[in-house]
Amino acid sequence: MTQKATLLIVFILLFWLLAGQSFAQVISQPTRAMLYSAAFPGGGQLYNRQWIKAGVVMGVQGWLIGSAIHNNHQKSRYHNLYVSDESPWHKTMEEEYRKRLNNDIWWIGITAALSMVDAFVDAHLADFETQQKDLQLRFTSSGVKLQYRY
């Protein structure tokens, strides 16, 4: 896939993600945030309007995906070289890049899972400040008073 096609797909996904939601919406849906995060790196954070978190998640997962693509390319390159001349050094390098690729894939899965959990929890806590107004802790001369209004 060419670089232009990849960028076009990314912009289409971002538009699709942001076009369906109202920025005036106050309460998020946690499951939707988690699914957006599963579909697109940082999608759940964008849905929750956590712009800095979304940038960090996109950057980390983008770097890991790029690293995995690079390591897969290098693994294939050294595999082809090993097949042509059967050098033990080429086999060693192929195994090294295979290990790096597996490591990248694990980290992609871990960061994706953490991103999904973060988006889910953040969406649940979207109305926390409004709920916080109902709970008050007051210090009086006679002691501490905890008041909850419902």
C-alpha atoms as a PDB file:
ATOM      1  CA  MET A   1       0.000   0.000   0.000  1.00  0.00           C
ATOM      2  CA  THR A   2       1.389   3.387  -0.902  1.00  0.00           C
ATOM      3  CA  GLN A   3       1.947   6.148   1.589  1.00  0.00           C
ATOM      4  CA  LYS A   4      -0.760   8.321   0.013  1.00  0.00           C
ATOM      5  CA  ALA A   5      -3.328   5.547   0.284  1.00  0.00           C
ATOM      6  CA  THR A   6      -2.410   4.992   3.940  1.00  0.00           C
ATOM      7  CA  LEU A   7      -2.816   8.686   4.729  1.00  0.00           C
ATOM      8  CA  LEU A   8      -6.146   8.761   2.901  1.00  0.00           C
ATOM      9  CA  ILE A   9      -7.410   5.817   4.950  1.00  0.00           C
ATOM     10  CA  VAL A  10      -6.287   7.515   8.181  1.00  0.00           C
ATOM     11  CA  PHE A  11      -8.083  10.754   7.302  1.00  0.00           C
ATOM     12  CA  ILE A  12     -11.244   8.873   6.298  1.00  0.00           C
ATOM     13  CA  LEU A  13     -11.221   7.006   9.611  1.00  0.00           C
ATOM     14  CA  LEU A  14     -10.710  10.237  11.551  1.00  0.00           C
ATOM     15  CA  PHE A  15     -13.548  11.925   9.668  1.00  0.00           C
ATOM     16  CA  TRP A  16     -15.801   8.926  10.221  1.00  0.00           C
ATOM     17  CA  LEU A  17     -14.920   8.928  13.908  1.00  0.00           C
ATOM     18  CA  LEU A  18     -15.541  12.616  14.477  1.00  0.00           C
ATOM     19  CA  ALA A  19     -18.440  13.180  12.046  1.00  0.00           C
ATOM     20  CA  GLY A  20     -20.875  10.978  13.927  1.00  0.00           C
ATOM     21  CA  GLN A  21     -20.535  12.677  17.284  1.00  0.00           C
ATOM     22  CA  SER A  22     -21.636  16.007  18.636  1.00  0.00           C
ATOM     23  CA  PHE A  23     -19.010  18.074  20.426  1.00  0.00           C
ATOM     24  CA  ALA A  24     -21.746  19.408  22.700  1.00  0.00           C
ATOM     25  CA  GLN A  25     -22.373  15.896  23.998  1.00  0.00           C
ATOM     26  CA  VAL A  26     -21.611  15.730  27.707  1.00  0.00           C
ATOM     27  CA  ILE A  27     -21.991  12.062  28.585  1.00  0.00           C
ATOM     28  CA  SER A  28     -19.896   9.513  26.704  1.00  0.00           C
ATOM     29  CA  GLN A  29     -20.764   5.916  26.022  1.00  0.00           C
ATOM     30  CA  PRO A  30     -17.975   3.742  27.450  1.00  0.00           C
ATOM     31  CA  THR A  31     -18.463   0.809  25.080  1.00  0.00           C
ATOM     32  CA  ARG A  32     -18.356   3.070  22.035  1.00  0.00           C
ATOM     33  CA  ALA A  33     -15.159   4.699  23.309  1.00  0.00           C
ATOM     34  CA  MET A  34     -13.577   1.286  23.809  1.00  0.00           C
ATOM     35  CA  LEU A  35     -14.581   0.115  20.323  1.00  0.00           C
ATOM     36  CA  TYR A  36     -13.202   3.289  18.736  1.00  0.00           C
ATOM     37  CA  SER A  37      -9.964   2.678  20.582  1.00  0.00           C
ATOM     38  CA  ALA A  38      -9.885  -0.906  19.285  1.00  0.00           C
ATOM     39  CA  ALA A  39     -10.568   0.183  15.691  1.00  0.00           C
ATOM     40  CA  PHE A  40      -8.088   3.038  15.492  1.00  0.00           C
ATOM     41  CA  PRO A  41      -5.060   3.928  17.659  1.00  0.00           C
ATOM     42  CA  GLY A  42      -6.199   6.776  19.907  1.00  0.00           C
ATOM     43  CA  GLY A  43      -9.788   6.609  18.640  1.00  0.00           C
ATOM     44  CA  GLY A  44     -11.306   6.181  22.083  1.00  0.00           C
ATOM     45  CA  GLN A  45      -9.250   9.064  23.436  1.00  0.00           C
ATOM     46  CA  LEU A  46     -10.445  11.260  20.556  1.00  0.00           C
ATOM     47  CA  TYR A  47     -14.025  10.231  21.309  1.00  0.00           C
ATOM     48  CA  ASN A  48     -13.508  11.244  24.953  1.00  0.00           C
ATOM     49  CA  ARG A  49     -11.910  14.535  23.845  1.00  0.00           C
ATOM     50  CA  GLN A  50      -8.602  13.701  25.524  1.00  0.00           C
ATOM     51  CA  TRP A  51      -6.456  15.257  22.804  1.00  0.00           C
ATOM     52  CA  ILE A  52      -3.054  14.884  24.460  1.00  0.00           C
ATOM     53  CA  LYS A  53      -3.673  11.250  25.400  1.00  0.00           C
ATOM     54  CA  ALA A  54      -4.846  10.575  21.845  1.00  0.00           C
ATOM     55  CA  GLY A  55      -1.646  12.069  20.443  1.00  0.00           C
ATOM     56  CA  VAL A  56       0.495  10.003  22.788  1.00  0.00           C
ATOM     57  CA  VAL A  57      -1.381   6.791  21.977  1.00  0.00           C
ATOM     58  CA  MET A  58      -1.218   7.491  18.225  1.00  0.00           C
ATOM     59  CA  GLY A  59       2.483   8.255  18.455  1.00  0.00           C
ATOM     60  CA  VAL A  60       3.389   5.185  20.501  1.00  0.00           C
ATOM     61  CA  GLN A  61       1.255   2.768  18.519  1.00  0.00           C
ATOM     62  CA  GLY A  62       2.325   4.349  15.226  1.00  0.00           C
ATOM     63  CA  TRP A  63       5.975   3.942  16.172  1.00  0.00           C
ATOM     64  CA  LEU A  64       5.393   0.322  17.208  1.00  0.00           C
ATOM     65  CA  ILE A  65       3.541  -0.457  13.973  1.00  0.00           C
ATOM     66  CA  GLY A  66       6.316   1.182  11.933  1.00  0.00           C
ATOM     67  CA  SER A  67       8.928  -0.764  13.873  1.00  0.00           C
ATOM     68  CA  ALA A  68       7.032  -4.017  13.275  1.00  0.00           C
ATOM     69  CA  ILE A  69       6.840  -3.313   9.532  1.00  0.00           C
ATOM     70  CA  HIS A  70      10.575  -2.530   9.435  1.00  0.00           C
ATOM     71  CA  ASN A  71      11.493  -5.648  11.412  1.00  0.00           C
ATOM     72  CA  ASN A  72       9.280  -7.817   9.205  1.00  0.00           C
ATOM     73  CA  HIS A  73      10.975  -6.383   6.112  1.00  0.00           C
ATOM     74  CA  GLN A  74      14.439  -7.023   7.576  1.00  0.00           C
ATOM     75  CA  LYS A  75      13.462 -10.567   8.637  1.00  0.00           C
ATOM     76  CA  SER A  76      12.280 -11.319   5.089  1.00  0.00           C
ATOM     77  CA  ARG A  77      15.445  -9.785   3.636  1.00  0.00           C
ATOM     78  CA  TYR A  78      17.752 -11.912   5.780  1.00  0.00           C
ATOM     79  CA  HIS A  79      15.621 -14.992   5.127  1.00  0.00           C
ATOM     80  CA  ASN A  80      16.041 -14.504   1.365  1.00  0.00           C
ATOM     81  CA  LEU A  81      19.786 -13.977   1.807  1.00  0.00           C
ATOM     82  CA  TYR A  82      20.027 -17.133   3.918  1.00  0.00           C
ATOM     83  CA  VAL A  83      18.149 -19.159   1.301  1.00  0.00           C
ATOM     84  CA  SER A  84      20.532 -17.942  -1.435  1.00  0.00           C
ATOM     85  CA  ASP A  85      23.879 -18.596   0.315  1.00  0.00           C
ATOM     86  CA  GLU A  86      23.053 -20.392   3.634  1.00  0.00           C
ATOM     87  CA  SER A  87      25.327 -18.171   5.691  1.00  0.00           C
ATOM     88  CA  PRO A  88      24.936 -18.756   9.446  1.00  0.00           C
ATOM     89  CA  TRP A  89      25.197 -15.002  10.011  1.00  0.00           C
ATOM     90  CA  HIS A  90      22.137 -14.401   7.812  1.00  0.00           C
ATOM     91  CA  LYS A  91      20.220 -17.055   9.771  1.00  0.00           C
ATOM     92  CA  THR A  92      21.246 -15.374  13.049  1.00  0.00           C
ATOM     93  CA  MET A  93      20.079 -11.980  11.781  1.00  0.00           C
ATOM     94  CA  GLU A  94      16.800 -13.468  10.561  1.00  0.00           C
ATOM     95  CA  GLU A  95      16.160 -14.897  14.031  1.00  0.00           C
ATOM     96  CA  GLU A  96      17.102 -11.571  15.649  1.00  0.00           C
ATOM     97  CA  TYR A  97      14.574  -9.672  13.521  1.00  0.00           C
ATOM     98  CA  ARG A  98      11.962 -12.378  14.129  1.00  0.00           C
ATOM     99  CA  LYS A  99      12.409 -11.833  17.889  1.00  0.00           C
ATOM    100  CA  ARG A 100      12.154  -8.062  17.442  1.00  0.00           C
ATOM    101  CA  LEU A 101       8.998  -8.471  15.343  1.00  0.00           C
ATOM    102  CA  ASN A 102       7.392 -10.712  17.968  1.00  0.00           C
ATOM    103  CA  ASN A 103       8.346  -8.205  20.672  1.00  0.00           C
ATOM    104  CA  ASP A 104       6.767  -5.362  18.665  1.00  0.00           C
ATOM    105  CA  ILE A 105       3.576  -7.357  18.145  1.00  0.00           C
ATOM    106  CA  TRP A 106       3.300  -8.018  21.880  1.00  0.00           C
ATOM    107  CA  TRP A 107       3.820  -4.338  22.671  1.00  0.00           C
ATOM    108  CA  ILE A 108       1.207  -3.334  20.071  1.00  0.00           C
ATOM    109  CA  GLY A 109      -1.280  -5.661  21.779  1.00  0.00           C
ATOM    110  CA  ILE A 110      -0.407  -4.387  25.253  1.00  0.00           C
ATOM    111  CA  THR A 111      -0.684  -0.712  24.287  1.00  0.00           C
ATOM    112  CA  ALA A 112      -3.931  -1.360  22.399  1.00  0.00           C
ATOM    113  CA  ALA A 113      -5.434  -3.119  25.436  1.00  0.00           C
ATOM    114  CA  LEU A 114      -4.322  -0.330  27.780  1.00  0.00           C
ATOM    115  CA  SER A 115      -5.699   2.273  25.378  1.00  0.00           C
ATOM    116  CA  MET A 116      -9.053   0.471  25.287  1.00  0.00           C
ATOM    117  CA  VAL A 117      -9.208   0.238  29.083  1.00  0.00           C
ATOM    118  CA  ASP A 118      -8.247   3.919  29.404  1.00  0.00           C
ATOM    119  CA  ALA A 119     -10.951   4.976  26.927  1.00  0.00           C
ATOM    120  CA  PHE A 120     -13.566   2.850  28.700  1.00  0.00           C
ATOM    121  CA  VAL A 121     -12.721   4.184  32.173  1.00  0.00           C
ATOM    122  CA  ASP A 122     -12.395   7.772  30.955  1.00  0.00           C
ATOM    123  CA  ALA A 123     -15.836   7.581  29.328  1.00  0.00           C
ATOM    124  CA  HIS A 124     -17.305   6.262  32.582  1.00  0.00           C
ATOM    125  CA  LEU A 125     -15.781   9.189  34.460  1.00  0.00           C
ATOM    126  CA  ALA A 126     -16.925  11.812  31.925  1.00  0.00           C
ATOM    127  CA  ASP A 127     -19.660  13.122  34.229  1.00  0.00           C
ATOM    128  CA  PHE A 128     -17.637  12.770  37.432  1.00  0.00           C
ATOM    129  CA  GLU A 129     -17.387  16.521  38.032  1.00  0.00           C
ATOM    130  CA  THR A 130     -21.165  16.888  37.953  1.00  0.00           C
ATOM    131  CA  GLN A 131     -21.487  14.036  40.424  1.00  0.00           C
ATOM    132  CA  GLN A 132     -18.729  15.536  42.537  1.00  0.00           C
ATOM    133  CA  LYS A 133     -20.868  18.649  43.163  1.00  0.00           C
ATOM    134  CA  ASP A 134     -23.379  16.429  44.951  1.00  0.00           C
ATOM    135  CA  LEU A 135     -20.724  15.246  47.401  1.00  0.00           C
ATOM    136  CA  GLN A 136     -19.271  17.910  49.684  1.00  0.00           C
ATOM    137  CA  LEU A 137     -16.716  17.772  52.442  1.00  0.00           C
ATOM    138  CA  ARG A 138     -17.007  20.722  54.823  1.00  0.00           C
ATOM    139  CA  PHE A 139     -14.742  21.679  57.680  1.00  0.00           C
ATOM    140  CA  THR A 140     -16.550  23.308  60.591  1.00  0.00           C
ATOM    141  CA  SER A 141     -15.422  24.398  64.023  1.00  0.00           C
ATOM    142  CA  SER A 142     -16.950  21.238  65.488  1.00  0.00           C
ATOM    143  CA  GLY A 143     -15.311  18.836  63.009  1.00  0.00           C
ATOM    144  CA  VAL A 144     -15.610  17.521  59.482  1.00  0.00           C
ATOM    145  CA  LYS A 145     -18.987  17.170  57.800  1.00  0.00           C
ATOM    146  CA  LEU A 146     -19.570  14.964  54.733  1.00  0.00           C
ATOM    147  CA  GLN A 147     -22.729  15.865  52.851  1.00  0.00           C
ATOM    148  CA  TYR A 148     -24.264  14.064  49.875  1.00  0.00           C
ATOM    149  CA  ARG A 149     -27.206  15.539  47.982  1.00  0.00           C
ATOM    150  CA  TYR A 150     -29.339  13.354  45.749  1.00  0.00           C
END
